[in-house]
């Protein structure tokens, strides 16, 4: 998947692509949204769901390492060592 191709897709096309090929990594939230991170090929994709309507508002590529690290901090790998 190339960035330029992804950016040309509609919201519905992006959602279908993430549902069919994305690998769920984790979630975070802000005041208005639940935000879900998926791996899609070599890209990270965030899905923003508006809390009040329980509706997907937008889907975008995420390149910011500071934001991606927010998800990593929540991953618990302790059970791999038990």
PDB file of N, CA and C in Angstrom:
ATOM      1  N   UNK A   1       0.855  -1.182   0.000  1.00  0.00           N
ATOM      2  CA  UNK A   1       0.000   0.000   0.000  1.00  0.00           C
ATOM      3  C   UNK A   1       0.891   1.233   0.000  1.00  0.00           C
ATOM      4  N   UNK A   2       0.646   2.097  -0.921  1.00  0.00           N
ATOM      5  CA  UNK A   2       1.404   3.342  -1.006  1.00  0.00           C
ATOM      6  C   UNK A   2       0.604   4.466  -0.356  1.00  0.00           C
ATOM      7  N   UNK A   3       1.318   5.405   0.243  1.00  0.00           N
ATOM      8  CA  UNK A   3       0.687   6.515   0.946  1.00  0.00           C
ATOM      9  C   UNK A   3      -0.228   7.304   0.011  1.00  0.00           C
ATOM     10  N   UNK A   4       0.247   7.604  -1.180  1.00  0.00           N
ATOM     11  CA  UNK A   4      -0.545   8.389  -2.124  1.00  0.00           C
ATOM     12  C   UNK A   4      -1.852   7.681  -2.471  1.00  0.00           C
ATOM     13  N   UNK A   5      -1.804   6.368  -2.632  1.00  0.00           N
ATOM     14  CA  UNK A   5      -3.017   5.605  -2.943  1.00  0.00           C
ATOM     15  C   UNK A   5      -3.984   5.660  -1.762  1.00  0.00           C
ATOM     16  N   UNK A   6      -3.492   5.437  -0.556  1.00  0.00           N
ATOM     17  CA  UNK A   6      -4.348   5.464   0.630  1.00  0.00           C
ATOM     18  C   UNK A   6      -5.031   6.823   0.775  1.00  0.00           C
ATOM     19  N   UNK A   7      -4.273   7.883   0.572  1.00  0.00           N
ATOM     20  CA  UNK A   7      -4.814   9.229   0.747  1.00  0.00           C
ATOM     21  C   UNK A   7      -5.906   9.574  -0.250  1.00  0.00           C
ATOM     22  N   UNK A   8      -5.966   8.871  -1.370  1.00  0.00           N
ATOM     23  CA  UNK A   8      -7.001   9.118  -2.376  1.00  0.00           C
ATOM     24  C   UNK A   8      -8.298   8.367  -2.085  1.00  0.00           C
ATOM     25  N   UNK A   9      -8.262   7.420  -1.166  1.00  0.00           N
ATOM     26  CA  UNK A   9      -9.440   6.614  -0.871  1.00  0.00           C
ATOM     27  C   UNK A   9     -10.479   7.406  -0.082  1.00  0.00           C
ATOM     28  N   UNK A  10     -11.735   7.053  -0.262  1.00  0.00           N
ATOM     29  CA  UNK A  10     -12.811   7.645   0.534  1.00  0.00           C
ATOM     30  C   UNK A  10     -12.788   7.029   1.931  1.00  0.00           C
ATOM     31  N   UNK A  11     -13.552   7.601   2.827  1.00  0.00           N
ATOM     32  CA  UNK A  11     -13.645   7.065   4.187  1.00  0.00           C
ATOM     33  C   UNK A  11     -14.130   5.616   4.170  1.00  0.00           C
ATOM     34  N   UNK A  12     -15.133   5.325   3.374  1.00  0.00           N
ATOM     35  CA  UNK A  12     -15.676   3.961   3.285  1.00  0.00           C
ATOM     36  C   UNK A  12     -14.631   2.998   2.738  1.00  0.00           C
ATOM     37  N   UNK A  13     -13.891   3.414   1.731  1.00  0.00           N
ATOM     38  CA  UNK A  13     -12.844   2.565   1.158  1.00  0.00           C
ATOM     39  C   UNK A  13     -11.720   2.321   2.176  1.00  0.00           C
ATOM     40  N   UNK A  14     -11.366   3.346   2.919  1.00  0.00           N
ATOM     41  CA  UNK A  14     -10.332   3.195   3.948  1.00  0.00           C
ATOM     42  C   UNK A  14     -10.791   2.219   5.033  1.00  0.00           C
ATOM     43  N   UNK A  15     -12.039   2.367   5.457  1.00  0.00           N
ATOM     44  CA  UNK A  15     -12.579   1.487   6.483  1.00  0.00           C
ATOM     45  C   UNK A  15     -12.585   0.038   6.011  1.00  0.00           C
ATOM     46  N   UNK A  16     -13.012  -0.187   4.803  1.00  0.00           N
ATOM     47  CA  UNK A  16     -13.036  -1.544   4.253  1.00  0.00           C
ATOM     48  C   UNK A  16     -11.624  -2.126   4.210  1.00  0.00           C
ATOM     49  N   UNK A  17     -10.667  -1.335   3.785  1.00  0.00           N
ATOM     50  CA  UNK A  17      -9.284  -1.773   3.710  1.00  0.00           C
ATOM     51  C   UNK A  17      -8.736  -2.140   5.088  1.00  0.00           C
ATOM     52  N   UNK A  18      -9.016  -1.299   6.070  1.00  0.00           N
ATOM     53  CA  UNK A  18      -8.538  -1.562   7.435  1.00  0.00           C
ATOM     54  C   UNK A  18      -9.217  -2.804   8.008  1.00  0.00           C
ATOM     55  N   UNK A  19     -10.519  -2.940   7.796  1.00  0.00           N
ATOM     56  CA  UNK A  19     -11.247  -4.107   8.301  1.00  0.00           C
ATOM     57  C   UNK A  19     -10.724  -5.408   7.697  1.00  0.00           C
ATOM     58  N   UNK A  20     -10.438  -5.389   6.406  1.00  0.00           N
ATOM     59  CA  UNK A  20     -10.031  -6.612   5.720  1.00  0.00           C
ATOM     60  C   UNK A  20      -8.548  -6.941   5.887  1.00  0.00           C
ATOM     61  N   UNK A  21      -7.701  -5.926   6.007  1.00  0.00           N
ATOM     62  CA  UNK A  21      -6.263  -6.174   5.990  1.00  0.00           C
ATOM     63  C   UNK A  21      -5.497  -5.633   7.181  1.00  0.00           C
ATOM     64  N   UNK A  22      -6.136  -4.824   8.001  1.00  0.00           N
ATOM     65  CA  UNK A  22      -5.440  -4.206   9.118  1.00  0.00           C
ATOM     66  C   UNK A  22      -5.249  -5.159  10.291  1.00  0.00           C
ATOM     67  N   UNK A  23      -4.189  -4.933  11.024  1.00  0.00           N
ATOM     68  CA  UNK A  23      -3.912  -5.674  12.249  1.00  0.00           C
ATOM     69  C   UNK A  23      -4.041  -4.701  13.409  1.00  0.00           C
ATOM     70  N   UNK A  24      -4.976  -4.978  14.310  1.00  0.00           N
ATOM     71  CA  UNK A  24      -5.231  -4.098  15.441  1.00  0.00           C
ATOM     72  C   UNK A  24      -4.025  -4.075  16.368  1.00  0.00           C
ATOM     73  N   UNK A  25      -3.615  -2.874  16.769  1.00  0.00           N
ATOM     74  CA  UNK A  25      -2.474  -2.725  17.676  1.00  0.00           C
ATOM     75  C   UNK A  25      -2.917  -2.241  19.048  1.00  0.00           C
ATOM     76  N   UNK A  26      -3.756  -1.231  19.083  1.00  0.00           N
ATOM     77  CA  UNK A  26      -4.166  -0.703  20.378  1.00  0.00           C
ATOM     78  C   UNK A  26      -5.114   0.463  20.225  1.00  0.00           C
ATOM     79  N   UNK A  27      -5.474   1.043  21.387  1.00  0.00           N
ATOM     80  CA  UNK A  27      -6.429   2.143  21.397  1.00  0.00           C
ATOM     81  C   UNK A  27      -5.992   3.208  22.389  1.00  0.00           C
ATOM     82  N   UNK A  28      -6.471   4.397  22.139  1.00  0.00           N
ATOM     83  CA  UNK A  28      -6.308   5.518  23.049  1.00  0.00           C
ATOM     84  C   UNK A  28      -7.561   6.356  22.912  1.00  0.00           C
ATOM     85  N   UNK A  29      -7.680   7.390  23.702  1.00  0.00           N
ATOM     86  CA  UNK A  29      -8.840   8.258  23.557  1.00  0.00           C
ATOM     87  C   UNK A  29      -8.494   9.687  23.910  1.00  0.00           C
ATOM     88  N   UNK A  30      -9.283  10.605  23.355  1.00  0.00           N
ATOM     89  CA  UNK A  30      -9.206  11.992  23.749  1.00  0.00           C
ATOM     90  C   UNK A  30     -10.599  12.408  24.185  1.00  0.00           C
ATOM     91  N   UNK A  31     -10.834  13.676  24.342  1.00  0.00           N
ATOM     92  CA  UNK A  31     -12.121  14.140  24.868  1.00  0.00           C
ATOM     93  C   UNK A  31     -13.292  13.673  24.009  1.00  0.00           C
ATOM     94  N   UNK A  32     -13.151  13.736  22.699  1.00  0.00           N
ATOM     95  CA  UNK A  32     -14.273  13.445  21.808  1.00  0.00           C
ATOM     96  C   UNK A  32     -14.216  12.116  21.070  1.00  0.00           C
ATOM     97  N   UNK A  33     -13.050  11.452  21.061  1.00  0.00           N
ATOM     98  CA  UNK A  33     -12.883  10.282  20.196  1.00  0.00           C
ATOM     99  C   UNK A  33     -12.239   9.102  20.912  1.00  0.00           C
ATOM    100  N   UNK A  34     -12.660   7.908  20.492  1.00  0.00           N
ATOM    101  CA  UNK A  34     -11.877   6.698  20.706  1.00  0.00           C
ATOM    102  C   UNK A  34     -11.033   6.570  19.449  1.00  0.00           C
ATOM    103  N   UNK A  35      -9.745   6.288  19.616  1.00  0.00           N
ATOM    104  CA  UNK A  35      -8.837   6.247  18.468  1.00  0.00           C
ATOM    105  C   UNK A  35      -8.154   4.885  18.468  1.00  0.00           C
ATOM    106  N   UNK A  36      -8.266   4.168  17.352  1.00  0.00           N
ATOM    107  CA  UNK A  36      -7.742   2.822  17.242  1.00  0.00           C
ATOM    108  C   UNK A  36      -6.598   2.806  16.235  1.00  0.00           C
ATOM    109  N   UNK A  37      -5.518   2.149  16.596  1.00  0.00           N
ATOM    110  CA  UNK A  37      -4.351   2.061  15.721  1.00  0.00           C
ATOM    111  C   UNK A  37      -4.281   0.682  15.089  1.00  0.00           C
ATOM    112  N   UNK A  38      -4.074   0.668  13.777  1.00  0.00           N
ATOM    113  CA  UNK A  38      -3.918  -0.565  13.024  1.00  0.00           C
ATOM    114  C   UNK A  38      -2.630  -0.504  12.223  1.00  0.00           C
ATOM    115  N   UNK A  39      -2.043  -1.668  11.997  1.00  0.00           N
ATOM    116  CA  UNK A  39      -0.926  -1.803  11.082  1.00  0.00           C
ATOM    117  C   UNK A  39      -1.508  -2.273   9.759  1.00  0.00           C
ATOM    118  N   UNK A  40      -1.115  -1.600   8.694  1.00  0.00           N
ATOM    119  CA  UNK A  40      -1.601  -1.939   7.359  1.00  0.00           C
ATOM    120  C   UNK A  40      -0.392  -1.947   6.442  1.00  0.00           C
ATOM    121  N   UNK A  41       0.050  -3.147   6.090  1.00  0.00           N
ATOM    122  CA  UNK A  41       1.315  -3.316   5.380  1.00  0.00           C
ATOM    123  C   UNK A  41       2.415  -2.662   6.218  1.00  0.00           C
ATOM    124  N   UNK A  42       3.108  -1.692   5.697  1.00  0.00           N
ATOM    125  CA  UNK A  42       4.180  -1.031   6.457  1.00  0.00           C
ATOM    126  C   UNK A  42       3.728   0.319   7.000  1.00  0.00           C
ATOM    127  N   UNK A  43       2.409   0.531   7.076  1.00  0.00           N
ATOM    128  CA  UNK A  43       1.868   1.812   7.517  1.00  0.00           C
ATOM    129  C   UNK A  43       1.107   1.661   8.816  1.00  0.00           C
ATOM    130  N   UNK A  44       0.995   2.760   9.559  1.00  0.00           N
ATOM    131  CA  UNK A  44       0.132   2.819  10.728  1.00  0.00           C
ATOM    132  C   UNK A  44      -1.075   3.673  10.383  1.00  0.00           C
ATOM    133  N   UNK A  45      -2.254   3.169  10.714  1.00  0.00           N
ATOM    134  CA  UNK A  45      -3.507   3.843  10.394  1.00  0.00           C
ATOM    135  C   UNK A  45      -4.296   4.043  11.677  1.00  0.00           C
ATOM    136  N   UNK A  46      -4.790   5.265  11.886  1.00  0.00           N
ATOM    137  CA  UNK A  46      -5.647   5.540  13.032  1.00  0.00           C
ATOM    138  C   UNK A  46      -7.088   5.699  12.564  1.00  0.00           C
ATOM    139  N   UNK A  47      -7.991   5.087  13.309  1.00  0.00           N
ATOM    140  CA  UNK A  47      -9.425   5.182  13.054  1.00  0.00           C
ATOM    141  C   UNK A  47     -10.029   5.973  14.213  1.00  0.00           C
ATOM    142  N   UNK A  48     -10.657   7.097  13.897  1.00  0.00           N
ATOM    143  CA  UNK A  48     -11.239   7.983  14.901  1.00  0.00           C
ATOM    144  C   UNK A  48     -12.742   7.756  14.971  1.00  0.00           C
ATOM    145  N   UNK A  49     -13.210   7.324  16.155  1.00  0.00           N
ATOM    146  CA  UNK A  49     -14.634   7.113  16.346  1.00  0.00           C
ATOM    147  C   UNK A  49     -15.158   8.190  17.293  1.00  0.00           C
ATOM    148  N   UNK A  50     -16.130   8.943  16.814  1.00  0.00           N
ATOM    149  CA  UNK A  50     -16.733  10.013  17.594  1.00  0.00           C
ATOM    150  C   UNK A  50     -17.577   9.401  18.707  1.00  0.00           C
ATOM    151  N   UNK A  51     -17.242   9.715  19.962  1.00  0.00           N
ATOM    152  CA  UNK A  51     -17.876   9.076  21.110  1.00  0.00           C
ATOM    153  C   UNK A  51     -19.386   9.297  21.174  1.00  0.00           C
ATOM    154  N   UNK A  52     -19.809  10.525  20.967  1.00  0.00           N
ATOM    155  CA  UNK A  52     -21.229  10.838  21.156  1.00  0.00           C
ATOM    156  C   UNK A  52     -22.139  10.115  20.176  1.00  0.00           C
ATOM    157  N   UNK A  53     -21.650   9.864  18.979  1.00  0.00           N
ATOM    158  CA  UNK A  53     -22.474   9.211  17.963  1.00  0.00           C
ATOM    159  C   UNK A  53     -22.087   7.758  17.725  1.00  0.00           C
ATOM    160  N   UNK A  54     -20.990   7.315  18.360  1.00  0.00           N
ATOM    161  CA  UNK A  54     -20.466   5.970  18.133  1.00  0.00           C
ATOM    162  C   UNK A  54     -20.309   5.726  16.627  1.00  0.00           C
ATOM    163  N   UNK A  55     -19.682   6.708  15.972  1.00  0.00           N
ATOM    164  CA  UNK A  55     -19.568   6.698  14.515  1.00  0.00           C
ATOM    165  C   UNK A  55     -18.139   7.045  14.108  1.00  0.00           C
ATOM    166  N   UNK A  56     -17.636   6.352  13.105  1.00  0.00           N
ATOM    167  CA  UNK A  56     -16.296   6.649  12.602  1.00  0.00           C
ATOM    168  C   UNK A  56     -16.340   7.984  11.881  1.00  0.00           C
ATOM    169  N   UNK A  57     -15.453   8.884  12.335  1.00  0.00           N
ATOM    170  CA  UNK A  57     -15.443  10.231  11.773  1.00  0.00           C
ATOM    171  C   UNK A  57     -14.373  10.380  10.703  1.00  0.00           C
ATOM    172  N   UNK A  58     -13.200   9.796  10.930  1.00  0.00           N
ATOM    173  CA  UNK A  58     -12.176   9.815   9.896  1.00  0.00           C
ATOM    174  C   UNK A  58     -11.136   8.744  10.159  1.00  0.00           C
ATOM    175  N   UNK A  59     -10.361   8.457   9.110  1.00  0.00           N
ATOM    176  CA  UNK A  59      -9.289   7.461   9.146  1.00  0.00           C
ATOM    177  C   UNK A  59      -8.093   8.086   8.468  1.00  0.00           C
ATOM    178  N   UNK A  60      -6.961   8.058   9.150  1.00  0.00           N
ATOM    179  CA  UNK A  60      -5.779   8.703   8.582  1.00  0.00           C
ATOM    180  C   UNK A  60      -4.515   7.918   8.890  1.00  0.00           C
ATOM    181  N   UNK A  61      -3.507   8.147   8.078  1.00  0.00           N
ATOM    182  CA  UNK A  61      -2.196   7.563   8.325  1.00  0.00           C
ATOM    183  C   UNK A  61      -1.546   8.307   9.483  1.00  0.00           C
ATOM    184  N   UNK A  62      -0.797   7.566  10.277  1.00  0.00           N
ATOM    185  CA  UNK A  62      -0.109   8.183  11.408  1.00  0.00           C
ATOM    186  C   UNK A  62       1.383   7.975  11.249  1.00  0.00           C
ATOM    187  N   UNK A  63       2.128   9.069  11.214  1.00  0.00           N
ATOM    188  CA  UNK A  63       3.581   9.014  11.063  1.00  0.00           C
ATOM    189  C   UNK A  63       4.308   9.501  12.313  1.00  0.00           C
ATOM    190  N   UNK A  64       3.604  10.174  13.189  1.00  0.00           N
ATOM    191  CA  UNK A  64       4.214  10.798  14.358  1.00  0.00           C
ATOM    192  C   UNK A  64       4.620   9.732  15.381  1.00  0.00           C
ATOM    193  N   UNK A  65       5.903   9.595  15.590  1.00  0.00           N
ATOM    194  CA  UNK A  65       6.410   8.559  16.508  1.00  0.00           C
ATOM    195  C   UNK A  65       5.982   8.807  17.949  1.00  0.00           C
ATOM    196  N   UNK A  66       5.774  10.051  18.338  1.00  0.00           N
ATOM    197  CA  UNK A  66       5.312  10.342  19.699  1.00  0.00           C
ATOM    198  C   UNK A  66       3.901   9.807  19.919  1.00  0.00           C
ATOM    199  N   UNK A  67       3.057   9.942  18.926  1.00  0.00           N
ATOM    200  CA  UNK A  67       1.694   9.416  19.038  1.00  0.00           C
ATOM    201  C   UNK A  67       1.705   7.898  19.008  1.00  0.00           C
ATOM    202  N   UNK A  68       2.460   7.313  18.122  1.00  0.00           N
ATOM    203  CA  UNK A  68       2.540   5.851  18.042  1.00  0.00           C
ATOM    204  C   UNK A  68       3.067   5.275  19.351  1.00  0.00           C
ATOM    205  N   UNK A  69       3.999   5.957  19.980  1.00  0.00           N
ATOM    206  CA  UNK A  69       4.558   5.455  21.242  1.00  0.00           C
ATOM    207  C   UNK A  69       3.521   5.449  22.362  1.00  0.00           C
ATOM    208  N   UNK A  70       2.474   6.277  22.262  1.00  0.00           N
ATOM    209  CA  UNK A  70       1.397   6.242  23.258  1.00  0.00           C
ATOM    210  C   UNK A  70       0.733   4.866  23.290  1.00  0.00           C
ATOM    211  N   UNK A  71       0.602   4.234  22.152  1.00  0.00           N
ATOM    212  CA  UNK A  71       0.018   2.901  22.085  1.00  0.00           C
ATOM    213  C   UNK A  71       0.974   1.867  22.668  1.00  0.00           C
ATOM    214  N   UNK A  72       2.242   1.994  22.374  1.00  0.00           N
ATOM    215  CA  UNK A  72       3.244   1.028  22.825  1.00  0.00           C
ATOM    216  C   UNK A  72       3.331   1.009  24.343  1.00  0.00           C
ATOM    217  N   UNK A  73       3.186   2.150  24.967  1.00  0.00           N
ATOM    218  CA  UNK A  73       3.267   2.225  26.424  1.00  0.00           C
ATOM    219  C   UNK A  73       2.173   1.418  27.101  1.00  0.00           C
ATOM    220  N   UNK A  74       1.063   1.183  26.423  1.00  0.00           N
ATOM    221  CA  UNK A  74      -0.065   0.445  26.996  1.00  0.00           C
ATOM    222  C   UNK A  74       0.023  -1.058  26.763  1.00  0.00           C
ATOM    223  N   UNK A  75       0.948  -1.501  25.928  1.00  0.00           N
ATOM    224  CA  UNK A  75       1.072  -2.923  25.624  1.00  0.00           C
ATOM    225  C   UNK A  75       1.732  -3.628  26.799  1.00  0.00           C
ATOM    226  N   UNK A  76       1.094  -4.685  27.291  1.00  0.00           N
ATOM    227  CA  UNK A  76       1.611  -5.460  28.403  1.00  0.00           C
ATOM    228  C   UNK A  76       2.154  -6.787  27.876  1.00  0.00           C
ATOM    229  N   UNK A  77       3.459  -6.961  27.959  1.00  0.00           N
ATOM    230  CA  UNK A  77       4.071  -8.209  27.483  1.00  0.00           C
ATOM    231  C   UNK A  77       4.530  -9.103  28.635  1.00  0.00           C
ATOM    232  N   UNK A  78       4.148  -8.757  29.849  1.00  0.00           N
ATOM    233  CA  UNK A  78       4.579  -9.510  31.021  1.00  0.00           C
ATOM    234  C   UNK A  78       4.199 -10.981  30.927  1.00  0.00           C
ATOM    235  N   UNK A  79       3.019 -11.285  30.401  1.00  0.00           N
ATOM    236  CA  UNK A  79       2.591 -12.692  30.308  1.00  0.00           C
ATOM    237  C   UNK A  79       3.486 -13.515  29.391  1.00  0.00           C
ATOM    238  N   UNK A  80       4.265 -12.877  28.532  1.00  0.00           N
ATOM    239  CA  UNK A  80       5.207 -13.618  27.689  1.00  0.00           C
ATOM    240  C   UNK A  80       6.369 -14.158  28.497  1.00  0.00           C
ATOM    241  N   UNK A  81       6.620 -13.580  29.658  1.00  0.00           N
ATOM    242  CA  UNK A  81       7.755 -13.987  30.485  1.00  0.00           C
ATOM    243  C   UNK A  81       7.355 -14.882  31.648  1.00  0.00           C
ATOM    244  N   UNK A  82       6.071 -15.051  31.866  1.00  0.00           N
ATOM    245  CA  UNK A  82       5.589 -15.896  32.987  1.00  0.00           C
ATOM    246  C   UNK A  82       5.612 -17.367  32.623  1.00  0.00           C
TER     247      UNK A  82
END
